[in-house]
């Protein structure tokens, strides 16, 4: 809609003179007619739809003309504009440089997780490796003059999650140094120690402080020719922090293993060949986590490729190997070159229902059921919605384990424990294995612990108190 003059019509002088403040006009103002354009798909937000060309424009803007608001729609399924839109003079509406058809920052390439019965996917597809960003400072100086392809390869030495965590910790340190007029890259060791001490006084765990040291050391200049994390004072500080604020792992299991196993032998998890794929997936991942004592990240590394998955004759056992190139959380553990060998539970046991807990049986059924629609070689794939057949994320696998335990409690009509965690399967399974006579060496080898000290300090639980054995003895 064009106007008579670049400065706007005379009727709008009151608007121009108010400079963004509310305006109330007591007379009618005549404006030429215009037609609102088709917004198309409302999935992506718009920062203001241009209705006319020229130096003076009329735009549809959010209700607050001083800024552009993007409102996240419920369920994390995209973004939309603020509800009430007004007509505003272009000089009063801040415009953004983003194109009109580009998604807003609030939009996400991954949609929220919903139940398969609602017809939506349950887990995002594997994220493509994003273009690594250079952190201002050491990275920018060392890698700034290199081609972008070379920069991407060098920065991929760290996993995307590690780069993200380091960037967050580094930004906190930069802000802390800026408030004290210190150079975060070249500050003396005393400044770093003061930052860590402040975190310790805020009751940060020693493991969190260790991550902060690693993040700062990644961008801080070497001190006396050594990385910041290898400085003697830093090492002694972290050692003292562990002594002053020792970890306090739970002493008793957070959930009842016997109750969960009993539920896995009944509906909705049985009969295994006819249950919904959702319950088959939950049962299989839980049994595999308990039988292997692996982290979720290790389970995520398994594949259905012939070189990684091998069933024995008559499904008597199954051998699982991590996919090539997988690097475990602790590279010094033997899991990188170690296979997971699970034996099938024999059918001739005194309790026939025990065969319903066989991880080999569940895994064989899961692989056969997902063979027709899987689009990824990863062992566990999404079981419903638009992402059906795609590789499931580690976060979603952790939710599967928690969901399986929750459903087991609900099936027994027992209140579910509070704050269940998927990682608890390692402590529960290893503690029960030790109580039932398994060798501590075999447990540590299966779990990927370099020494038994890790099990004793963080994972050992009291699963069978001595008092129960005394009171239930018959003489």
Protein backbone atom coordinates (compact mmCIF):
# COMPACT_ATOMS: atom_id res chain seq x y z
CA UNK A 1 0.00 0.00 0.00
CA UNK A 2 1.71 3.18 -1.17
CA UNK A 3 1.33 6.51 0.61
CA UNK A 4 1.24 10.07 -0.80
CA UNK A 5 4.65 11.04 0.56
CA UNK A 6 7.76 9.37 1.99
CA UNK A 7 7.01 10.83 5.38
CA UNK A 8 3.53 9.30 5.46
CA UNK A 9 0.09 10.93 5.20
CA UNK A 10 -0.81 13.88 7.32
CA UNK A 11 -3.37 11.79 9.20
CA UNK A 12 -0.53 9.77 10.70
CA UNK A 13 1.41 12.71 12.15
CA UNK A 14 0.11 11.83 15.61
CA UNK A 15 1.41 8.33 15.23
CA UNK A 16 4.84 9.46 14.09
CA UNK A 17 5.20 11.93 16.93
CA UNK A 18 4.45 9.42 19.70
CA UNK A 19 7.54 7.28 19.10
CA UNK A 20 6.18 3.87 19.98
CA UNK A 21 3.87 4.99 22.79
CA UNK A 22 0.13 4.18 22.76
CA UNK A 23 -1.88 6.37 20.40
CA UNK A 24 -5.60 7.10 20.57
CA UNK A 25 -7.17 8.93 17.59
CA UNK A 26 -10.59 10.47 18.13
CA UNK A 27 -11.53 10.66 14.42
CA UNK A 28 -11.77 8.13 11.66
CA UNK A 29 -8.73 7.69 9.41
CA UNK A 30 -9.27 6.56 5.86
CA UNK A 31 -6.85 3.99 4.50
CA UNK A 32 -6.90 2.30 1.10
CA UNK A 33 -8.09 -1.26 1.10
CA UNK A 34 -5.62 -4.13 1.12
CA UNK A 35 -5.73 -7.90 1.14
CA UNK A 36 -3.94 -10.04 3.71
CA UNK A 37 -1.67 -12.57 1.97
CA UNK A 38 -2.02 -16.29 2.54
CA UNK A 39 0.22 -17.28 5.44
CA UNK A 40 0.37 -20.86 4.27
CA UNK A 41 1.47 -23.38 6.84
CA UNK A 42 1.24 -21.91 10.34
CA UNK A 43 3.94 -24.24 11.59
CA UNK A 44 6.63 -21.61 11.33
CA UNK A 45 6.33 -18.22 12.92
CA UNK A 46 6.54 -14.96 11.02
CA UNK A 47 8.32 -11.90 12.27
CA UNK A 48 5.99 -9.50 10.47
CA UNK A 49 4.27 -9.91 7.09
CA UNK A 50 5.09 -7.14 4.63
CA UNK A 51 2.01 -5.83 2.88
CA UNK A 52 3.49 -3.05 0.76
CA UNK A 53 6.73 -1.99 -0.80
CA UNK A 54 8.40 1.35 -0.56
CA UNK A 55 9.92 3.44 2.17
CA UNK A 56 6.63 3.49 4.07
CA UNK A 57 4.97 0.15 4.73
CA UNK A 58 2.16 -1.30 6.73
CA UNK A 59 3.08 -4.53 8.52
CA UNK A 60 1.24 -7.07 10.59
CA UNK A 61 3.25 -7.26 13.77
CA UNK A 62 3.01 -8.78 17.24
CA UNK A 63 1.02 -6.93 19.85
CA UNK A 64 4.11 -5.28 21.31
CA UNK A 65 5.66 -3.02 18.69
CA UNK A 66 8.94 -2.60 20.57
CA UNK A 67 10.06 -6.16 19.88
CA UNK A 68 9.24 -9.28 17.91
CA UNK A 69 7.95 -12.16 20.03
CA UNK A 70 7.89 -15.76 18.96
CA UNK A 71 5.60 -17.90 21.09
CA UNK A 72 6.31 -21.63 21.39
CA UNK A 73 3.16 -23.55 20.67
CA UNK A 74 2.04 -26.27 23.07
CA UNK A 75 3.82 -29.55 22.79
CA UNK A 76 6.93 -28.12 21.20
CA UNK A 77 5.51 -28.48 17.71
CA UNK A 78 6.71 -25.29 16.12
CA UNK A 79 6.20 -21.62 16.80
CA UNK A 80 3.62 -19.02 16.05
CA UNK A 81 3.20 -15.32 16.49
CA UNK A 82 1.67 -13.65 19.49
CA UNK A 83 -2.08 -13.94 19.36
CA UNK A 84 -3.24 -10.35 18.80
CA UNK A 85 -1.80 -8.53 15.80
CA UNK A 86 -2.11 -4.84 15.04
CA UNK A 87 -1.44 -2.58 12.10
CA UNK A 88 1.64 -0.48 12.68
CA UNK A 89 3.57 2.08 10.78
CA UNK A 90 6.77 0.56 9.41
CA UNK A 91 9.00 3.15 11.09
CA UNK A 92 7.61 1.99 14.44
CA UNK A 93 7.91 -1.77 13.85
CA UNK A 94 11.38 -3.29 14.13
CA UNK A 95 12.05 -5.60 11.19
CA UNK A 96 14.37 -8.58 11.31
CA UNK A 97 16.76 -9.56 8.60
CA UNK A 98 15.45 -13.14 8.45
CA UNK A 99 13.43 -14.06 5.37
CA UNK A 100 9.70 -14.36 5.77
CA UNK A 101 9.57 -18.04 4.98
CA UNK A 102 12.40 -19.05 7.31
CA UNK A 103 11.59 -20.93 10.52
CA UNK A 104 11.90 -19.03 13.76
CA UNK A 105 14.47 -19.81 16.40
CA UNK A 106 11.76 -21.31 18.57
CA UNK A 107 11.00 -23.91 15.95
CA UNK A 108 12.75 -27.22 16.38
CA UNK A 109 13.73 -29.75 13.78
CA UNK A 110 12.70 -32.42 16.25
CA UNK A 111 9.11 -32.61 17.34
CA UNK A 112 7.92 -33.57 20.76
CA UNK A 113 7.53 -37.17 21.80
CA UNK A 114 4.00 -38.45 21.84
CA UNK A 115 2.27 -41.74 22.29
CA UNK A 116 2.07 -44.01 19.30
CA UNK A 117 -1.68 -44.26 19.75
CA UNK A 118 -1.93 -40.55 18.91
CA UNK A 119 -0.38 -41.24 15.50
CA UNK A 120 2.84 -39.33 16.08
CA UNK A 121 6.43 -40.48 16.37
CA UNK A 122 7.98 -41.44 19.66
CA UNK A 123 11.56 -40.44 19.16
CA UNK A 124 13.55 -38.14 16.93
CA UNK A 125 15.70 -39.47 14.18
CA UNK A 126 19.43 -39.40 14.67
CA UNK A 127 20.64 -35.84 14.58
CA UNK A 128 22.98 -34.94 11.77
CA UNK A 129 26.31 -33.69 12.98
CA UNK A 130 25.91 -29.95 13.14
CA UNK A 131 28.54 -27.60 11.82
CA UNK A 132 30.91 -27.05 14.75
CA UNK A 133 31.11 -23.48 16.00
CA UNK A 134 34.38 -21.90 16.95
CA UNK A 135 34.61 -20.67 20.49
CA UNK A 136 36.00 -17.13 20.62
CA UNK A 137 39.59 -17.31 21.76
CA UNK A 138 42.01 -20.12 21.18
CA UNK A 139 39.90 -22.00 18.65
CA UNK A 140 39.16 -18.87 16.66
CA UNK A 141 42.86 -17.98 16.43
CA UNK A 142 44.21 -21.45 15.68
CA UNK A 143 41.46 -22.64 13.34
CA UNK A 144 40.19 -19.34 11.99
CA UNK A 145 42.39 -19.37 8.86
CA UNK A 146 41.70 -22.97 7.88
CA UNK A 147 39.10 -24.11 5.35
CA UNK A 148 35.70 -24.85 6.83
CA UNK A 149 35.93 -28.54 5.91
CA UNK A 150 39.19 -28.85 7.84
CA UNK A 151 37.67 -27.03 10.83
CA UNK A 152 34.71 -29.40 10.83
CA UNK A 153 36.99 -32.43 10.85
CA UNK A 154 39.22 -31.12 13.64
CA UNK A 155 36.37 -30.05 15.90
CA UNK A 156 34.68 -33.41 15.36
CA UNK A 157 37.40 -34.90 17.57
CA UNK A 158 34.93 -34.23 20.38
CA UNK A 159 31.38 -35.54 20.33
CA UNK A 160 28.61 -32.96 19.74
CA UNK A 161 27.33 -33.44 23.29
CA UNK A 162 30.82 -32.81 24.66
CA UNK A 163 31.26 -29.67 22.59
CA UNK A 164 27.88 -28.42 23.77
CA UNK A 165 28.68 -29.09 27.43
CA UNK A 166 32.12 -27.48 27.16
CA UNK A 167 30.66 -24.39 25.49
CA UNK A 168 28.15 -23.92 28.32
CA UNK A 169 30.80 -24.28 31.02
CA UNK A 170 33.20 -22.02 29.17
CA UNK A 171 30.58 -19.28 28.78
CA UNK A 172 29.96 -19.38 32.54
CA UNK A 173 33.67 -18.94 33.16
CA UNK A 174 33.90 -16.11 30.63
CA UNK A 175 31.05 -14.23 32.32
CA UNK A 176 32.62 -14.77 35.73
CA UNK A 177 35.99 -13.45 34.51
CA UNK A 178 34.40 -10.47 32.77
CA UNK A 179 32.77 -9.36 36.01
CA UNK A 180 36.25 -9.34 37.60
CA UNK A 181 38.09 -7.83 34.62
CA UNK A 182 40.13 -10.99 34.05
CA UNK A 183 41.16 -12.52 30.74
CA UNK A 184 39.52 -15.98 30.67
CA UNK A 185 42.16 -17.36 28.30
CA UNK A 186 45.28 -16.07 30.02
CA UNK A 187 44.23 -15.58 33.63
CA UNK A 188 46.54 -17.03 36.30
CA UNK A 189 45.82 -20.32 37.98
CA UNK A 190 44.60 -18.52 41.12
CA UNK A 191 41.64 -17.09 39.18
CA UNK A 192 40.60 -20.55 37.97
CA UNK A 193 40.89 -21.94 41.49
CA UNK A 194 38.73 -19.11 42.84
CA UNK A 195 36.08 -19.91 40.24
CA UNK A 196 36.13 -23.58 41.22
CA UNK A 197 36.01 -22.72 44.92
CA UNK A 198 32.90 -20.66 44.37
CA UNK A 199 31.27 -23.65 42.72
CA UNK A 200 32.30 -25.91 45.58
CA UNK A 201 30.74 -23.52 48.08
CA UNK A 202 27.52 -23.70 46.05
CA UNK A 203 27.58 -27.45 46.65
CA UNK A 204 28.50 -28.44 43.12
CA UNK A 205 29.54 -32.07 42.97
CA UNK A 206 33.20 -32.95 42.34
CA UNK A 207 32.22 -34.51 39.01
CA UNK A 208 30.66 -31.21 37.90
CA UNK A 209 33.81 -29.34 38.91
CA UNK A 210 35.85 -31.85 36.93
CA UNK A 211 33.79 -31.11 33.82
CA UNK A 212 34.31 -27.39 34.38
CA UNK A 213 38.07 -27.92 34.55
CA UNK A 214 38.02 -29.91 31.31
CA UNK A 215 35.97 -27.20 29.58
CA UNK A 216 38.22 -24.38 30.75
CA UNK A 217 41.35 -26.35 29.86
CA UNK A 218 40.04 -26.82 26.32
CA UNK A 219 40.22 -23.06 25.65
CA UNK A 220 42.68 -21.76 28.25
CA UNK A 221 46.30 -21.22 27.31
CA UNK A 222 48.75 -23.76 28.76
CA UNK A 223 50.21 -22.91 32.14
CA UNK A 224 53.95 -23.57 32.45
CA UNK A 225 53.75 -25.69 29.32
CA UNK A 226 51.01 -27.93 30.74
CA UNK A 227 47.31 -28.16 30.12
CA UNK A 228 45.24 -26.56 32.85
CA UNK A 229 43.73 -29.92 33.80
CA UNK A 230 47.21 -31.36 34.45
CA UNK A 231 48.35 -28.56 36.74
CA UNK A 232 49.34 -29.83 40.16
CA UNK A 233 47.17 -27.33 42.04
CA UNK A 234 44.11 -28.21 39.97
CA UNK A 235 44.62 -31.92 40.60
CA UNK A 236 45.02 -31.37 44.34
CA UNK A 237 41.97 -29.09 44.43
CA UNK A 238 39.74 -31.71 42.81
CA UNK A 239 41.10 -34.34 45.18
CA UNK A 240 40.27 -32.13 48.14
CA UNK A 241 36.81 -31.41 46.74
CA UNK A 242 36.08 -35.13 46.60
CA UNK A 243 37.16 -35.51 50.21
CA UNK A 244 35.15 -32.51 51.45
CA UNK A 245 32.07 -33.31 49.38
CA UNK A 246 32.10 -37.07 48.82
CA UNK A 247 29.51 -38.71 46.61
CA UNK A 248 26.54 -40.19 48.43
CA UNK A 249 25.18 -43.00 46.25
CA UNK A 250 22.04 -44.77 47.44
CA UNK A 251 22.51 -47.79 49.68
CA UNK A 252 19.29 -49.59 48.77
CA UNK A 253 17.69 -50.14 45.35
CA UNK A 254 15.30 -47.47 44.15
CA UNK A 255 12.98 -50.14 42.72
CA UNK A 256 12.16 -53.80 43.34
CA UNK A 257 13.78 -56.08 40.78
CA UNK A 258 11.69 -59.12 41.74
CA UNK A 259 8.45 -57.18 41.25
CA UNK A 260 9.55 -55.91 37.84
CA UNK A 261 10.65 -59.35 36.66
CA UNK A 262 7.33 -60.83 37.78
CA UNK A 263 5.44 -58.23 35.75
CA UNK A 264 7.56 -58.89 32.66
CA UNK A 265 6.20 -62.46 32.69
CA UNK A 266 2.61 -61.24 32.45
CA UNK A 267 0.44 -58.90 30.41
CA UNK A 268 1.00 -56.40 28.86
CA UNK A 269 4.46 -57.86 28.12
CA UNK A 270 3.28 -61.39 27.29
CA UNK A 271 2.59 -63.29 25.10
CA UNK A 272 5.66 -61.85 23.44
CA UNK A 273 4.84 -62.72 19.80
CA UNK A 274 1.45 -61.01 19.85
CA UNK A 275 1.84 -58.01 22.16
CA UNK A 276 2.05 -54.48 20.82
CA UNK A 277 5.43 -53.51 19.44
CA UNK A 278 5.67 -50.85 22.13
CA UNK A 279 5.65 -53.39 24.97
CA UNK A 280 8.01 -55.68 23.08
CA UNK A 281 10.47 -52.80 22.67
CA UNK A 282 10.27 -51.79 26.34
CA UNK A 283 10.70 -55.34 27.60
CA UNK A 284 13.62 -56.09 25.27
CA UNK A 285 15.62 -52.99 26.14
CA UNK A 286 15.07 -53.52 29.88
CA UNK A 287 16.09 -57.19 29.78
CA UNK A 288 19.16 -56.34 27.69
CA UNK A 289 20.15 -53.57 30.12
CA UNK A 290 19.81 -55.89 33.12
CA UNK A 291 21.54 -58.88 31.53
CA UNK A 292 24.49 -56.94 30.09
CA UNK A 293 24.91 -54.29 32.87
CA UNK A 294 25.68 -51.76 30.15
CA UNK A 295 25.14 -48.03 29.99
CA UNK A 296 22.44 -46.67 27.72
CA UNK A 297 25.18 -45.32 25.46
CA UNK A 298 26.59 -48.83 25.10
CA UNK A 299 23.16 -50.26 24.28
CA UNK A 300 22.76 -47.49 21.72
CA UNK A 301 25.94 -48.71 19.97
CA UNK A 302 24.57 -52.19 19.19
CA UNK A 303 23.62 -52.97 15.60
CA UNK A 304 21.70 -55.61 13.64
CA UNK A 305 24.47 -55.81 11.07
CA UNK A 306 25.76 -59.34 10.52
CA UNK A 307 29.15 -58.36 11.89
CA UNK A 308 27.61 -57.02 15.11
CA UNK A 309 24.73 -59.41 15.89
CA UNK A 310 24.97 -63.18 15.81
CA UNK A 311 22.53 -65.73 17.20
CA UNK A 312 23.71 -69.19 18.19
CA UNK A 313 22.18 -72.49 17.00
CA UNK A 314 18.53 -72.73 17.99
CA UNK A 315 18.88 -69.27 19.61
CA UNK A 316 20.91 -70.78 22.44
CA UNK A 317 22.90 -67.56 22.78
CA UNK A 318 23.44 -64.20 21.16
CA UNK A 319 26.62 -62.24 20.62
CA UNK A 320 26.44 -58.45 20.34
CA UNK A 321 29.26 -56.17 19.30
CA UNK A 322 29.34 -52.36 19.23
CA UNK A 323 29.27 -50.77 15.82
CA UNK A 324 32.67 -49.97 14.24
CA UNK A 325 34.09 -46.67 15.38
CA UNK A 326 32.14 -46.56 18.64
CA UNK A 327 34.07 -44.94 21.48
CA UNK A 328 32.75 -45.80 24.97
CA UNK A 329 32.40 -43.29 27.76
CA UNK A 330 35.57 -44.63 29.40
CA UNK A 331 37.94 -45.56 26.53
CA UNK A 332 40.28 -47.43 28.89
CA UNK A 333 37.64 -50.07 29.58
CA UNK A 334 37.80 -53.27 27.54
CA UNK A 335 34.28 -52.83 26.16
CA UNK A 336 35.55 -51.29 22.96
CA UNK A 337 36.90 -54.67 21.82
CA UNK A 338 34.65 -56.83 24.00
CA UNK A 339 31.64 -58.77 22.83
CA UNK A 340 28.49 -59.20 24.92
CA UNK A 341 27.57 -62.87 25.11
CA UNK A 342 24.12 -63.60 26.50
CA UNK A 343 23.07 -67.18 27.15
CA UNK A 344 19.47 -68.28 26.69
CA UNK A 345 17.62 -69.40 29.80
CA UNK A 346 16.90 -73.13 29.56
CA UNK A 347 13.32 -74.32 29.30
CA UNK A 348 13.92 -77.26 31.62
CA UNK A 349 14.14 -75.13 34.73
CA UNK A 350 11.90 -75.88 37.70
CA UNK A 351 10.05 -72.63 37.03
CA UNK A 352 8.81 -72.68 33.40
CA UNK A 353 7.86 -69.00 33.62
CA UNK A 354 11.55 -68.18 33.96
CA UNK A 355 11.94 -68.69 30.21
CA UNK A 356 9.71 -65.67 29.69
CA UNK A 357 12.59 -63.54 31.01
CA UNK A 358 15.11 -64.86 28.51
CA UNK A 359 16.86 -61.89 26.86
CA UNK A 360 17.84 -63.99 23.83
CA UNK A 361 14.19 -64.90 23.20
CA UNK A 362 13.08 -61.26 23.51
CA UNK A 363 15.89 -60.03 21.26
CA UNK A 364 15.13 -62.60 18.55
CA UNK A 365 11.46 -61.68 18.57
CA UNK A 366 12.29 -57.95 18.48
CA UNK A 367 14.67 -58.28 15.53
CA UNK A 368 12.14 -60.35 13.57
CA UNK A 369 9.25 -57.96 14.30
CA UNK A 370 11.20 -54.84 13.27
CA UNK A 371 12.90 -56.31 10.20
CA UNK A 372 10.13 -55.32 7.77
CA UNK A 373 10.07 -51.58 8.53
CA UNK A 374 13.46 -50.64 10.00
CA UNK A 375 15.41 -48.01 8.06
CA UNK A 376 18.50 -48.09 10.29
CA UNK A 377 21.05 -50.76 11.21
CA UNK A 378 20.90 -49.62 14.83
CA UNK A 379 19.53 -52.37 17.05
CA UNK A 380 16.72 -50.34 18.63
CA UNK A 381 14.47 -48.29 16.36
CA UNK A 382 11.34 -46.23 16.84
CA UNK A 383 8.20 -48.36 17.00
CA UNK A 384 5.49 -45.93 15.92
CA UNK A 385 4.51 -42.69 14.26
CA UNK A 386 6.26 -40.91 11.44
CA UNK A 387 9.69 -41.90 12.77
CA UNK A 388 8.86 -45.61 12.80
CA UNK A 389 11.91 -47.62 11.82
CA UNK A 390 14.41 -44.80 12.37
CA UNK A 391 17.21 -45.07 14.88
CA UNK A 392 16.10 -44.22 18.39
CA UNK A 393 18.09 -41.69 20.42
CA UNK A 394 19.91 -42.45 23.66
CA UNK A 395 17.54 -40.17 25.56
CA UNK A 396 14.52 -42.04 24.24
CA UNK A 397 16.09 -45.39 25.10
CA UNK A 398 16.53 -44.17 28.67
CA UNK A 399 12.83 -43.26 28.69
CA UNK A 400 12.01 -46.74 27.44
CA UNK A 401 13.75 -48.32 30.44
CA UNK A 402 11.96 -46.03 32.89
CA UNK A 403 8.64 -46.64 31.13
CA UNK A 404 9.13 -50.41 31.35
CA UNK A 405 9.72 -50.24 35.10
CA UNK A 406 6.75 -47.91 35.54
CA UNK A 407 4.43 -50.19 33.58
CA UNK A 408 5.63 -53.16 35.62
CA UNK A 409 4.63 -51.42 38.84
CA UNK A 410 1.30 -50.40 37.37
CA UNK A 411 0.61 -53.98 36.29
CA UNK A 412 1.06 -55.10 39.91
CA UNK A 413 -1.11 -52.23 41.17
CA UNK A 414 1.79 -50.91 43.24
CA UNK A 415 2.72 -47.21 43.48
CA UNK A 416 5.69 -46.45 41.29
CA UNK A 417 8.86 -45.19 43.00
CA UNK A 418 9.74 -41.54 42.63
CA UNK A 419 12.54 -40.33 40.34
CA UNK A 420 13.34 -43.52 38.49
CA UNK A 421 16.50 -43.43 36.40
CA UNK A 422 17.58 -45.71 33.59
CA UNK A 423 21.14 -45.77 34.94
CA UNK A 424 19.87 -47.55 38.06
CA UNK A 425 19.77 -50.82 36.12
CA UNK A 426 23.57 -51.03 36.40
CA UNK A 427 23.60 -50.85 40.18
CA UNK A 428 20.56 -53.12 40.63
CA UNK A 429 21.77 -55.78 38.20
CA UNK A 430 25.39 -55.83 39.41
CA UNK A 431 24.38 -55.92 43.08
CA UNK A 432 21.97 -58.80 42.55
CA UNK A 433 24.57 -60.66 40.49
CA UNK A 434 27.11 -60.35 43.30
CA UNK A 435 24.54 -61.45 45.90
CA UNK A 436 23.75 -64.55 43.81
CA UNK A 437 27.38 -65.66 43.60
CA UNK A 438 28.76 -63.97 40.49
CA UNK A 439 32.44 -63.11 40.53
CA UNK A 440 33.28 -59.49 41.18
CA UNK A 441 35.86 -59.68 38.41
CA UNK A 442 33.26 -60.91 35.92
CA UNK A 443 30.83 -58.18 37.02
CA UNK A 444 33.42 -55.44 36.52
CA UNK A 445 34.40 -56.84 33.13
CA UNK A 446 30.77 -56.95 32.00
CA UNK A 447 29.97 -53.46 33.28
CA UNK A 448 33.18 -51.93 31.91
CA UNK A 449 34.67 -50.92 35.27
CA UNK A 450 38.45 -50.85 35.34
CA UNK A 451 38.66 -51.66 39.06
CA UNK A 452 36.24 -53.00 41.70
CA UNK A 453 36.56 -49.66 43.51
CA UNK A 454 34.06 -48.10 41.10
CA UNK A 455 31.49 -50.74 41.96
CA UNK A 456 32.16 -50.46 45.70
CA UNK A 457 31.95 -46.66 45.74
CA UNK A 458 29.00 -45.98 43.45
CA UNK A 459 27.02 -49.08 42.53
CA UNK A 460 27.04 -51.57 45.40
CA UNK A 461 23.57 -51.91 46.96
CA UNK A 462 22.24 -53.88 49.91
CA UNK A 463 19.84 -56.18 48.08
CA UNK A 464 19.77 -59.07 50.58
CA UNK A 465 20.24 -57.94 54.19
CA UNK A 466 21.79 -60.46 56.56
CA UNK A 467 18.83 -60.09 58.95
CA UNK A 468 16.44 -61.51 56.37
CA UNK A 469 18.59 -64.62 56.00
CA UNK A 470 18.73 -65.08 59.79
CA UNK A 471 15.01 -64.58 60.42
CA UNK A 472 13.93 -66.83 57.55
CA UNK A 473 16.33 -69.68 58.41
CA UNK A 474 14.85 -72.96 59.63
CA UNK A 475 17.61 -73.88 62.00
